[in-house]
């Protein structure tokens, strides 16, 4: 698949996810079980857009324990246990803010 086709597929998938989320649907158990886990996550910026940073596990193209910044954030669950970016859903583990709060 070419880079252009991959980008178009990501946009299509993100659009479909946003339509479902707008209807009040949550990600399916299957989607979340396949989603990478982002630990010690935090809000950040990437190219002028809101993104998430943290340590990722189970990503399809990145090694476990890689420090990443995601693509643009489209949605974060009210309970902050899941998020959707342009590229994919993520399961959200412990926020960095919570870890820092316990150290003080």
PDB file of N, CA and C in Angstrom:
ATOM      1  N   UNK A   1       0.845  -1.169   0.000  1.00  0.00           N
ATOM      2  CA  UNK A   1       0.000   0.000   0.000  1.00  0.00           C
ATOM      3  C   UNK A   1       0.896   1.240   0.000  1.00  0.00           C
ATOM      4  N   UNK A   2       0.582   2.185  -0.869  1.00  0.00           N
ATOM      5  CA  UNK A   2       1.384   3.410  -0.949  1.00  0.00           C
ATOM      6  C   UNK A   2       1.118   4.306   0.257  1.00  0.00           C
ATOM      7  N   UNK A   3       2.016   5.258   0.477  1.00  0.00           N
ATOM      8  CA  UNK A   3       1.841   6.196   1.585  1.00  0.00           C
ATOM      9  C   UNK A   3       0.543   6.981   1.443  1.00  0.00           C
ATOM     10  N   UNK A   4       0.206   7.364   0.216  1.00  0.00           N
ATOM     11  CA  UNK A   4      -1.033   8.111  -0.012  1.00  0.00           C
ATOM     12  C   UNK A   4      -2.246   7.256   0.341  1.00  0.00           C
ATOM     13  N   UNK A   5      -2.208   5.988  -0.038  1.00  0.00           N
ATOM     14  CA  UNK A   5      -3.318   5.088   0.272  1.00  0.00           C
ATOM     15  C   UNK A   5      -3.424   4.866   1.781  1.00  0.00           C
ATOM     16  N   UNK A   6      -2.280   4.750   2.464  1.00  0.00           N
ATOM     17  CA  UNK A   6      -2.290   4.593   3.921  1.00  0.00           C
ATOM     18  C   UNK A   6      -2.910   5.812   4.589  1.00  0.00           C
ATOM     19  N   UNK A   7      -2.534   6.994   4.128  1.00  0.00           N
ATOM     20  CA  UNK A   7      -3.081   8.221   4.688  1.00  0.00           C
ATOM     21  C   UNK A   7      -4.583   8.299   4.457  1.00  0.00           C
ATOM     22  N   UNK A   8      -5.023   7.985   3.271  1.00  0.00           N
ATOM     23  CA  UNK A   8      -6.458   8.006   2.974  1.00  0.00           C
ATOM     24  C   UNK A   8      -7.213   6.999   3.837  1.00  0.00           C
ATOM     25  N   UNK A   9      -6.629   5.833   4.072  1.00  0.00           N
ATOM     26  CA  UNK A   9      -7.272   4.832   4.924  1.00  0.00           C
ATOM     27  C   UNK A   9      -7.361   5.333   6.364  1.00  0.00           C
ATOM     28  N   UNK A  10      -6.309   5.973   6.854  1.00  0.00           N
ATOM     29  CA  UNK A  10      -6.329   6.529   8.216  1.00  0.00           C
ATOM     30  C   UNK A  10      -7.415   7.582   8.361  1.00  0.00           C
ATOM     31  N   UNK A  11      -7.522   8.454   7.368  1.00  0.00           N
ATOM     32  CA  UNK A  11      -8.550   9.500   7.404  1.00  0.00           C
ATOM     33  C   UNK A  11      -9.943   8.874   7.376  1.00  0.00           C
ATOM     34  N   UNK A  12     -10.134   7.879   6.543  1.00  0.00           N
ATOM     35  CA  UNK A  12     -11.417   7.167   6.474  1.00  0.00           C
ATOM     36  C   UNK A  12     -11.750   6.522   7.813  1.00  0.00           C
ATOM     37  N   UNK A  13     -10.788   5.800   8.387  1.00  0.00           N
ATOM     38  CA  UNK A  13     -11.007   5.126   9.671  1.00  0.00           C
ATOM     39  C   UNK A  13     -11.297   6.139  10.784  1.00  0.00           C
ATOM     40  N   UNK A  14     -10.555   7.247  10.802  1.00  0.00           N
ATOM     41  CA  UNK A  14     -10.769   8.275  11.820  1.00  0.00           C
ATOM     42  C   UNK A  14     -12.148   8.907  11.671  1.00  0.00           C
ATOM     43  N   UNK A  15     -12.560   9.165  10.450  1.00  0.00           N
ATOM     44  CA  UNK A  15     -13.880   9.743  10.204  1.00  0.00           C
ATOM     45  C   UNK A  15     -14.982   8.802  10.682  1.00  0.00           C
ATOM     46  N   UNK A  16     -14.861   7.529  10.355  1.00  0.00           N
ATOM     47  CA  UNK A  16     -15.855   6.553  10.812  1.00  0.00           C
ATOM     48  C   UNK A  16     -15.903   6.491  12.339  1.00  0.00           C
ATOM     49  N   UNK A  17     -14.739   6.506  12.974  1.00  0.00           N
ATOM     50  CA  UNK A  17     -14.692   6.469  14.441  1.00  0.00           C
ATOM     51  C   UNK A  17     -15.349   7.699  15.035  1.00  0.00           C
ATOM     52  N   UNK A  18     -15.086   8.866  14.467  1.00  0.00           N
ATOM     53  CA  UNK A  18     -15.679  10.100  14.984  1.00  0.00           C
ATOM     54  C   UNK A  18     -17.196  10.107  14.834  1.00  0.00           C
ATOM     55  N   UNK A  19     -17.700   9.593  13.738  1.00  0.00           N
ATOM     56  CA  UNK A  19     -19.152   9.511  13.543  1.00  0.00           C
ATOM     57  C   UNK A  19     -19.770   8.643  14.634  1.00  0.00           C
ATOM     58  N   UNK A  20     -19.147   7.504  14.905  1.00  0.00           N
ATOM     59  CA  UNK A  20     -19.648   6.611  15.959  1.00  0.00           C
ATOM     60  C   UNK A  20     -19.573   7.275  17.330  1.00  0.00           C
ATOM     61  N   UNK A  21     -18.446   7.918  17.622  1.00  0.00           N
ATOM     62  CA  UNK A  21     -18.278   8.582  18.915  1.00  0.00           C
ATOM     63  C   UNK A  21     -19.287   9.711  19.089  1.00  0.00           C
ATOM     64  N   UNK A  22     -19.570  10.447  18.021  1.00  0.00           N
ATOM     65  CA  UNK A  22     -20.541  11.533  18.075  1.00  0.00           C
ATOM     66  C   UNK A  22     -21.938  10.998  18.389  1.00  0.00           C
ATOM     67  N   UNK A  23     -22.237   9.786  17.917  1.00  0.00           N
ATOM     68  CA  UNK A  23     -23.533   9.149  18.211  1.00  0.00           C
ATOM     69  C   UNK A  23     -23.581   8.640  19.648  1.00  0.00           C
ATOM     70  N   UNK A  24     -22.485   8.738  20.359  1.00  0.00           N
ATOM     71  CA  UNK A  24     -22.441   8.271  21.742  1.00  0.00           C
ATOM     72  C   UNK A  24     -21.935   6.853  21.895  1.00  0.00           C
ATOM     73  N   UNK A  25     -21.511   6.244  20.801  1.00  0.00           N
ATOM     74  CA  UNK A  25     -20.952   4.894  20.874  1.00  0.00           C
ATOM     75  C   UNK A  25     -19.526   4.969  21.412  1.00  0.00           C
ATOM     76  N   UNK A  26     -19.128   3.957  22.127  1.00  0.00           N
ATOM     77  CA  UNK A  26     -17.755   3.879  22.627  1.00  0.00           C
ATOM     78  C   UNK A  26     -17.002   2.850  21.787  1.00  0.00           C
ATOM     79  N   UNK A  27     -15.662   2.885  21.841  1.00  0.00           N
ATOM     80  CA  UNK A  27     -14.902   1.872  21.098  1.00  0.00           C
ATOM     81  C   UNK A  27     -15.291   0.476  21.581  1.00  0.00           C
ATOM     82  N   UNK A  28     -15.317  -0.452  20.654  1.00  0.00           N
ATOM     83  CA  UNK A  28     -15.664  -1.831  21.004  1.00  0.00           C
ATOM     84  C   UNK A  28     -14.544  -2.469  21.815  1.00  0.00           C
ATOM     85  N   UNK A  29     -14.888  -3.527  22.517  1.00  0.00           N
ATOM     86  CA  UNK A  29     -13.882  -4.273  23.280  1.00  0.00           C
ATOM     87  C   UNK A  29     -12.785  -4.776  22.344  1.00  0.00           C
ATOM     88  N   UNK A  30     -13.172  -5.184  21.144  1.00  0.00           N
ATOM     89  CA  UNK A  30     -12.193  -5.666  20.159  1.00  0.00           C
ATOM     90  C   UNK A  30     -11.241  -4.542  19.742  1.00  0.00           C
ATOM     91  N   UNK A  31     -11.780  -3.352  19.489  1.00  0.00           N
ATOM     92  CA  UNK A  31     -10.932  -2.217  19.107  1.00  0.00           C
ATOM     93  C   UNK A  31      -9.944  -1.878  20.229  1.00  0.00           C
ATOM     94  N   UNK A  32     -10.446  -1.870  21.446  1.00  0.00           N
ATOM     95  CA  UNK A  32      -9.568  -1.520  22.561  1.00  0.00           C
ATOM     96  C   UNK A  32      -8.536  -2.603  22.850  1.00  0.00           C
ATOM     97  N   UNK A  33      -8.909  -3.861  22.705  1.00  0.00           N
ATOM     98  CA  UNK A  33      -7.926  -4.921  22.971  1.00  0.00           C
ATOM     99  C   UNK A  33      -6.806  -4.904  21.932  1.00  0.00           C
ATOM    100  N   UNK A  34      -7.112  -4.423  20.734  1.00  0.00           N
ATOM    101  CA  UNK A  34      -6.099  -4.334  19.679  1.00  0.00           C
ATOM    102  C   UNK A  34      -5.311  -3.021  19.740  1.00  0.00           C
ATOM    103  N   UNK A  35      -5.783  -2.076  20.538  1.00  0.00           N
ATOM    104  CA  UNK A  35      -5.160  -0.750  20.591  1.00  0.00           C
ATOM    105  C   UNK A  35      -3.878  -0.772  21.416  1.00  0.00           C
ATOM    106  N   UNK A  36      -2.880  -0.003  20.998  1.00  0.00           N
ATOM    107  CA  UNK A  36      -1.672   0.119  21.811  1.00  0.00           C
ATOM    108  C   UNK A  36      -1.993   0.753  23.160  1.00  0.00           C
ATOM    109  N   UNK A  37      -1.194   0.430  24.151  1.00  0.00           N
ATOM    110  CA  UNK A  37      -1.310   1.009  25.485  1.00  0.00           C
ATOM    111  C   UNK A  37      -0.312   2.150  25.609  1.00  0.00           C
ATOM    112  N   UNK A  38      -0.792   3.302  26.061  1.00  0.00           N
ATOM    113  CA  UNK A  38       0.074   4.458  26.288  1.00  0.00           C
ATOM    114  C   UNK A  38       0.154   4.702  27.790  1.00  0.00           C
ATOM    115  N   UNK A  39       1.337   4.470  28.348  1.00  0.00           N
ATOM    116  CA  UNK A  39       1.575   4.638  29.781  1.00  0.00           C
ATOM    117  C   UNK A  39       2.283   5.963  30.030  1.00  0.00           C
ATOM    118  N   UNK A  40       2.204   6.421  31.264  1.00  0.00           N
ATOM    119  CA  UNK A  40       2.766   7.705  31.688  1.00  0.00           C
ATOM    120  C   UNK A  40       2.478   8.769  30.628  1.00  0.00           C
ATOM    121  N   UNK A  41       1.211   8.805  30.233  1.00  0.00           N
ATOM    122  CA  UNK A  41       0.814   9.691  29.141  1.00  0.00           C
ATOM    123  C   UNK A  41       0.544  11.108  29.646  1.00  0.00           C
ATOM    124  N   UNK A  42       0.650  12.031  28.711  1.00  0.00           N
ATOM    125  CA  UNK A  42       0.441  13.450  28.995  1.00  0.00           C
ATOM    126  C   UNK A  42       0.003  14.140  27.713  1.00  0.00           C
ATOM    127  N   UNK A  43      -0.633  15.290  27.879  1.00  0.00           N
ATOM    128  CA  UNK A  43      -1.024  16.110  26.732  1.00  0.00           C
ATOM    129  C   UNK A  43       0.194  16.883  26.260  1.00  0.00           C
ATOM    130  N   UNK A  44       0.322  16.987  24.958  1.00  0.00           N
ATOM    131  CA  UNK A  44       1.438  17.726  24.380  1.00  0.00           C
ATOM    132  C   UNK A  44       0.969  18.338  23.066  1.00  0.00           C
ATOM    133  N   UNK A  45       1.885  18.866  22.325  1.00  0.00           N
ATOM    134  CA  UNK A  45       1.591  19.510  21.047  1.00  0.00           C
ATOM    135  C   UNK A  45       2.454  18.874  19.976  1.00  0.00           C
ATOM    136  N   UNK A  46       1.874  18.742  18.812  1.00  0.00           N
ATOM    137  CA  UNK A  46       2.624  18.233  17.668  1.00  0.00           C
ATOM    138  C   UNK A  46       2.151  18.986  16.440  1.00  0.00           C
ATOM    139  N   UNK A  47       3.039  19.748  15.854  1.00  0.00           N
ATOM    140  CA  UNK A  47       2.752  20.531  14.657  1.00  0.00           C
ATOM    141  C   UNK A  47       1.521  21.415  14.833  1.00  0.00           C
ATOM    142  N   UNK A  48       1.386  21.987  16.032  1.00  0.00           N
ATOM    143  CA  UNK A  48       0.290  22.911  16.291  1.00  0.00           C
ATOM    144  C   UNK A  48      -1.017  22.270  16.702  1.00  0.00           C
ATOM    145  N   UNK A  49      -1.045  20.951  16.870  1.00  0.00           N
ATOM    146  CA  UNK A  49      -2.262  20.241  17.251  1.00  0.00           C
ATOM    147  C   UNK A  49      -2.052  19.515  18.572  1.00  0.00           C
ATOM    148  N   UNK A  50      -3.152  19.275  19.276  1.00  0.00           N
ATOM    149  CA  UNK A  50      -3.103  18.516  20.514  1.00  0.00           C
ATOM    150  C   UNK A  50      -2.717  17.074  20.204  1.00  0.00           C
ATOM    151  N   UNK A  51      -1.769  16.557  20.967  1.00  0.00           N
ATOM    152  CA  UNK A  51      -1.310  15.178  20.811  1.00  0.00           C
ATOM    153  C   UNK A  51      -1.105  14.602  22.207  1.00  0.00           C
ATOM    154  N   UNK A  52      -0.837  13.323  22.265  1.00  0.00           N
ATOM    155  CA  UNK A  52      -0.498  12.657  23.512  1.00  0.00           C
ATOM    156  C   UNK A  52       0.951  12.206  23.436  1.00  0.00           C
ATOM    157  N   UNK A  53       1.621  12.262  24.551  1.00  0.00           N
ATOM    158  CA  UNK A  53       2.968  11.729  24.654  1.00  0.00           C
ATOM    159  C   UNK A  53       2.966  10.641  25.703  1.00  0.00           C
ATOM    160  N   UNK A  54       3.968   9.790  25.663  1.00  0.00           N
ATOM    161  CA  UNK A  54       4.087   8.752  26.666  1.00  0.00           C
ATOM    162  C   UNK A  54       4.900   7.572  26.175  1.00  0.00           C
ATOM    163  N   UNK A  55       4.814   6.495  26.938  1.00  0.00           N
ATOM    164  CA  UNK A  55       5.530   5.259  26.635  1.00  0.00           C
ATOM    165  C   UNK A  55       4.524   4.269  26.075  1.00  0.00           C
ATOM    166  N   UNK A  56       4.785   3.770  24.874  1.00  0.00           N
ATOM    167  CA  UNK A  56       3.815   2.924  24.181  1.00  0.00           C
ATOM    168  C   UNK A  56       4.201   1.453  24.243  1.00  0.00           C
ATOM    169  N   UNK A  57       3.172   0.618  24.333  1.00  0.00           N
ATOM    170  CA  UNK A  57       3.326  -0.843  24.317  1.00  0.00           C
ATOM    171  C   UNK A  57       2.283  -1.422  23.373  1.00  0.00           C
ATOM    172  N   UNK A  58       2.713  -2.378  22.562  1.00  0.00           N
ATOM    173  CA  UNK A  58       1.776  -3.040  21.649  1.00  0.00           C
ATOM    174  C   UNK A  58       1.449  -2.247  20.402  1.00  0.00           C
ATOM    175  N   UNK A  59       2.304  -1.303  20.042  1.00  0.00           N
ATOM    176  CA  UNK A  59       2.087  -0.512  18.820  1.00  0.00           C
ATOM    177  C   UNK A  59       2.433  -1.371  17.608  1.00  0.00           C
ATOM    178  N   UNK A  60       1.675  -1.238  16.517  1.00  0.00           N
ATOM    179  CA  UNK A  60       1.941  -2.101  15.354  1.00  0.00           C
ATOM    180  C   UNK A  60       3.267  -1.853  14.652  1.00  0.00           C
ATOM    181  N   UNK A  61       3.845  -0.663  14.797  1.00  0.00           N
ATOM    182  CA  UNK A  61       5.087  -0.386  14.074  1.00  0.00           C
ATOM    183  C   UNK A  61       6.240   0.090  14.954  1.00  0.00           C
ATOM    184  N   UNK A  62       5.981   0.300  16.248  1.00  0.00           N
ATOM    185  CA  UNK A  62       7.015   0.810  17.148  1.00  0.00           C
ATOM    186  C   UNK A  62       7.348  -0.228  18.207  1.00  0.00           C
ATOM    187  N   UNK A  63       8.588  -0.232  18.685  1.00  0.00           N
ATOM    188  CA  UNK A  63       8.956  -1.202  19.726  1.00  0.00           C
ATOM    189  C   UNK A  63       8.309  -0.854  21.065  1.00  0.00           C
ATOM    190  N   UNK A  64       8.089  -1.872  21.874  1.00  0.00           N
ATOM    191  CA  UNK A  64       7.571  -1.642  23.216  1.00  0.00           C
ATOM    192  C   UNK A  64       8.516  -0.736  23.990  1.00  0.00           C
ATOM    193  N   UNK A  65       7.934   0.117  24.816  1.00  0.00           N
ATOM    194  CA  UNK A  65       8.632   1.072  25.673  1.00  0.00           C
ATOM    195  C   UNK A  65       9.213   2.252  24.905  1.00  0.00           C
ATOM    196  N   UNK A  66       8.781   2.427  23.639  1.00  0.00           N
ATOM    197  CA  UNK A  66       9.216   3.603  22.875  1.00  0.00           C
ATOM    198  C   UNK A  66       8.516   4.835  23.430  1.00  0.00           C
ATOM    199  N   UNK A  67       9.256   5.936  23.511  1.00  0.00           N
ATOM    200  CA  UNK A  67       8.675   7.223  23.898  1.00  0.00           C
ATOM    201  C   UNK A  67       8.125   7.862  22.636  1.00  0.00           C
ATOM    202  N   UNK A  68       6.828   8.216  22.663  1.00  0.00           N
ATOM    203  CA  UNK A  68       6.199   8.719  21.443  1.00  0.00           C
ATOM    204  C   UNK A  68       5.404   9.989  21.701  1.00  0.00           C
ATOM    205  N   UNK A  69       5.071  10.650  20.605  1.00  0.00           N
ATOM    206  CA  UNK A  69       4.014  11.651  20.538  1.00  0.00           C
ATOM    207  C   UNK A  69       3.078  11.165  19.447  1.00  0.00           C
ATOM    208  N   UNK A  70       1.800  11.122  19.746  1.00  0.00           N
ATOM    209  CA  UNK A  70       0.824  10.586  18.804  1.00  0.00           C
ATOM    210  C   UNK A  70       0.508  11.594  17.705  1.00  0.00           C
ATOM    211  N   UNK A  71      -0.276  11.136  16.754  1.00  0.00           N
ATOM    212  CA  UNK A  71      -0.864  12.062  15.797  1.00  0.00           C
ATOM    213  C   UNK A  71      -1.928  12.880  16.529  1.00  0.00           C
ATOM    214  N   UNK A  72      -2.573  13.769  15.842  1.00  0.00           N
ATOM    215  CA  UNK A  72      -3.564  14.677  16.412  1.00  0.00           C
ATOM    216  C   UNK A  72      -4.648  13.919  17.177  1.00  0.00           C
ATOM    217  N   UNK A  73      -4.947  14.380  18.387  1.00  0.00           N
ATOM    218  CA  UNK A  73      -5.992  13.775  19.210  1.00  0.00           C
ATOM    219  C   UNK A  73      -7.354  14.253  18.721  1.00  0.00           C
ATOM    220  N   UNK A  74      -8.252  13.290  18.494  1.00  0.00           N
ATOM    221  CA  UNK A  74      -9.612  13.603  18.065  1.00  0.00           C
ATOM    222  C   UNK A  74     -10.626  13.453  19.186  1.00  0.00           C
ATOM    223  N   UNK A  75     -10.321  12.576  20.155  1.00  0.00           N
ATOM    224  CA  UNK A  75     -11.278  12.265  21.220  1.00  0.00           C
ATOM    225  C   UNK A  75     -10.539  11.619  22.375  1.00  0.00           C
ATOM    226  N   UNK A  76     -10.957  11.968  23.599  1.00  0.00           N
ATOM    227  CA  UNK A  76     -10.493  11.288  24.808  1.00  0.00           C
ATOM    228  C   UNK A  76     -11.732  10.934  25.614  1.00  0.00           C
ATOM    229  N   UNK A  77     -11.812   9.704  26.058  1.00  0.00           N
ATOM    230  CA  UNK A  77     -12.959   9.253  26.853  1.00  0.00           C
ATOM    231  C   UNK A  77     -13.064  10.075  28.128  1.00  0.00           C
ATOM    232  N   UNK A  78     -14.287  10.253  28.603  1.00  0.00           N
ATOM    233  CA  UNK A  78     -14.514  11.010  29.831  1.00  0.00           C
ATOM    234  C   UNK A  78     -13.708  10.443  31.002  1.00  0.00           C
ATOM    235  N   UNK A  79     -13.568   9.106  31.045  1.00  0.00           N
ATOM    236  CA  UNK A  79     -12.810   8.483  32.138  1.00  0.00           C
ATOM    237  C   UNK A  79     -11.302   8.438  31.862  1.00  0.00           C
ATOM    238  N   UNK A  80     -10.889   8.974  30.731  1.00  0.00           N
ATOM    239  CA  UNK A  80      -9.490   9.041  30.310  1.00  0.00           C
ATOM    240  C   UNK A  80      -8.813   7.667  30.262  1.00  0.00           C
ATOM    241  N   UNK A  81      -9.567   6.661  29.861  1.00  0.00           N
ATOM    242  CA  UNK A  81      -9.022   5.309  29.719  1.00  0.00           C
ATOM    243  C   UNK A  81      -8.778   4.948  28.250  1.00  0.00           C
ATOM    244  N   UNK A  82      -9.233   5.801  27.330  1.00  0.00           N
ATOM    245  CA  UNK A  82      -9.065   5.544  25.897  1.00  0.00           C
ATOM    246  C   UNK A  82      -9.035   6.879  25.157  1.00  0.00           C
ATOM    247  N   UNK A  83      -8.396   6.851  24.007  1.00  0.00           N
ATOM    248  CA  UNK A  83      -8.326   8.044  23.166  1.00  0.00           C
ATOM    249  C   UNK A  83      -8.316   7.608  21.706  1.00  0.00           C
ATOM    250  N   UNK A  84      -8.753   8.514  20.844  1.00  0.00           N
ATOM    251  CA  UNK A  84      -8.676   8.285  19.407  1.00  0.00           C
ATOM    252  C   UNK A  84      -7.827   9.397  18.818  1.00  0.00           C
ATOM    253  N   UNK A  85      -6.839   9.016  18.043  1.00  0.00           N
ATOM    254  CA  UNK A  85      -6.037   9.968  17.280  1.00  0.00           C
ATOM    255  C   UNK A  85      -6.373   9.769  15.811  1.00  0.00           C
ATOM    256  N   UNK A  86      -5.777  10.567  14.967  1.00  0.00           N
ATOM    257  CA  UNK A  86      -6.002  10.383  13.537  1.00  0.00           C
ATOM    258  C   UNK A  86      -5.603   8.974  13.123  1.00  0.00           C
ATOM    259  N   UNK A  87      -4.564   8.448  13.726  1.00  0.00           N
ATOM    260  CA  UNK A  87      -4.043   7.146  13.312  1.00  0.00           C
ATOM    261  C   UNK A  87      -4.765   5.949  13.893  1.00  0.00           C
ATOM    262  N   UNK A  88      -5.195   6.033  15.179  1.00  0.00           N
ATOM    263  CA  UNK A  88      -5.723   4.831  15.830  1.00  0.00           C
ATOM    264  C   UNK A  88      -6.297   5.150  17.200  1.00  0.00           C
ATOM    265  N   UNK A  89      -6.959   4.130  17.768  1.00  0.00           N
ATOM    266  CA  UNK A  89      -7.347   4.185  19.167  1.00  0.00           C
ATOM    267  C   UNK A  89      -6.134   3.844  20.019  1.00  0.00           C
ATOM    268  N   UNK A  90      -6.099   4.386  21.232  1.00  0.00           N
ATOM    269  CA  UNK A  90      -5.107   4.034  22.236  1.00  0.00           C
ATOM    270  C   UNK A  90      -5.834   3.713  23.530  1.00  0.00           C
ATOM    271  N   UNK A  91      -5.325   2.735  24.253  1.00  0.00           N
ATOM    272  CA  UNK A  91      -5.732   2.530  25.644  1.00  0.00           C
ATOM    273  C   UNK A  91      -4.811   3.422  26.460  1.00  0.00           C
ATOM    274  N   UNK A  92      -5.369   4.130  27.417  1.00  0.00           N
ATOM    275  CA  UNK A  92      -4.565   5.027  28.233  1.00  0.00           C
ATOM    276  C   UNK A  92      -4.364   4.421  29.610  1.00  0.00           C
ATOM    277  N   UNK A  93      -3.112   4.302  29.990  1.00  0.00           N
ATOM    278  CA  UNK A  93      -2.765   3.780  31.305  1.00  0.00           C
ATOM    279  C   UNK A  93      -2.713   4.906  32.320  1.00  0.00           C
ATOM    280  N   UNK A  94      -1.721   4.881  33.172  1.00  0.00           N
ATOM    281  CA  UNK A  94      -1.576   5.884  34.221  1.00  0.00           C
ATOM    282  C   UNK A  94      -1.058   7.190  33.636  1.00  0.00           C
ATOM    283  N   UNK A  95      -1.765   8.293  33.907  1.00  0.00           N
ATOM    284  CA  UNK A  95      -1.260   9.587  33.436  1.00  0.00           C
ATOM    285  C   UNK A  95       0.025   9.974  34.170  1.00  0.00           C
ATOM    286  N   UNK A  96       0.922  10.629  33.485  1.00  0.00           N
ATOM    287  CA  UNK A  96       2.164  11.107  34.092  1.00  0.00           C
ATOM    288  C   UNK A  96       1.858  11.995  35.292  1.00  0.00           C
ATOM    289  N   UNK A  97       0.838  12.819  35.184  1.00  0.00           N
ATOM    290  CA  UNK A  97       0.447  13.724  36.269  1.00  0.00           C
ATOM    291  C   UNK A  97       0.155  12.955  37.560  1.00  0.00           C
ATOM    292  N   UNK A  98      -0.489  11.798  37.450  1.00  0.00           N
ATOM    293  CA  UNK A  98      -0.787  10.993  38.636  1.00  0.00           C
ATOM    294  C   UNK A  98       0.487  10.444  39.270  1.00  0.00           C
ATOM    295  N   UNK A  99       1.428  10.022  38.437  1.00  0.00           N
ATOM    296  CA  UNK A  99       2.691   9.510  38.975  1.00  0.00           C
ATOM    297  C   UNK A  99       3.485  10.611  39.669  1.00  0.00           C
ATOM    298  N   UNK A 100       3.495  11.782  39.076  1.00  0.00           N
ATOM    299  CA  UNK A 100       4.219  12.896  39.683  1.00  0.00           C
ATOM    300  C   UNK A 100       3.568  13.326  41.004  1.00  0.00           C
ATOM    301  N   UNK A 101       2.239  13.247  41.071  1.00  0.00           N
ATOM    302  CA  UNK A 101       1.527  13.636  42.298  1.00  0.00           C
ATOM    303  C   UNK A 101       1.856  12.692  43.458  1.00  0.00           C
ATOM    304  N   UNK A 102       2.090  11.411  43.168  1.00  0.00           N
ATOM    305  CA  UNK A 102       2.380  10.451  44.233  1.00  0.00           C
ATOM    306  C   UNK A 102       3.825  10.573  44.721  1.00  0.00           C
ATOM    307  N   UNK A 103       4.691  11.214  43.944  1.00  0.00           N
ATOM    308  CA  UNK A 103       6.084  11.380  44.336  1.00  0.00           C
ATOM    309  C   UNK A 103       6.269  12.526  45.321  1.00  0.00           C
ATOM    310  N   UNK A 104       5.284  13.381  45.458  1.00  0.00           N
ATOM    311  CA  UNK A 104       5.428  14.549  46.348  1.00  0.00           C
ATOM    312  C   UNK A 104       4.804  14.332  47.668  1.00  0.00           C
TER     313      UNK A 104
END
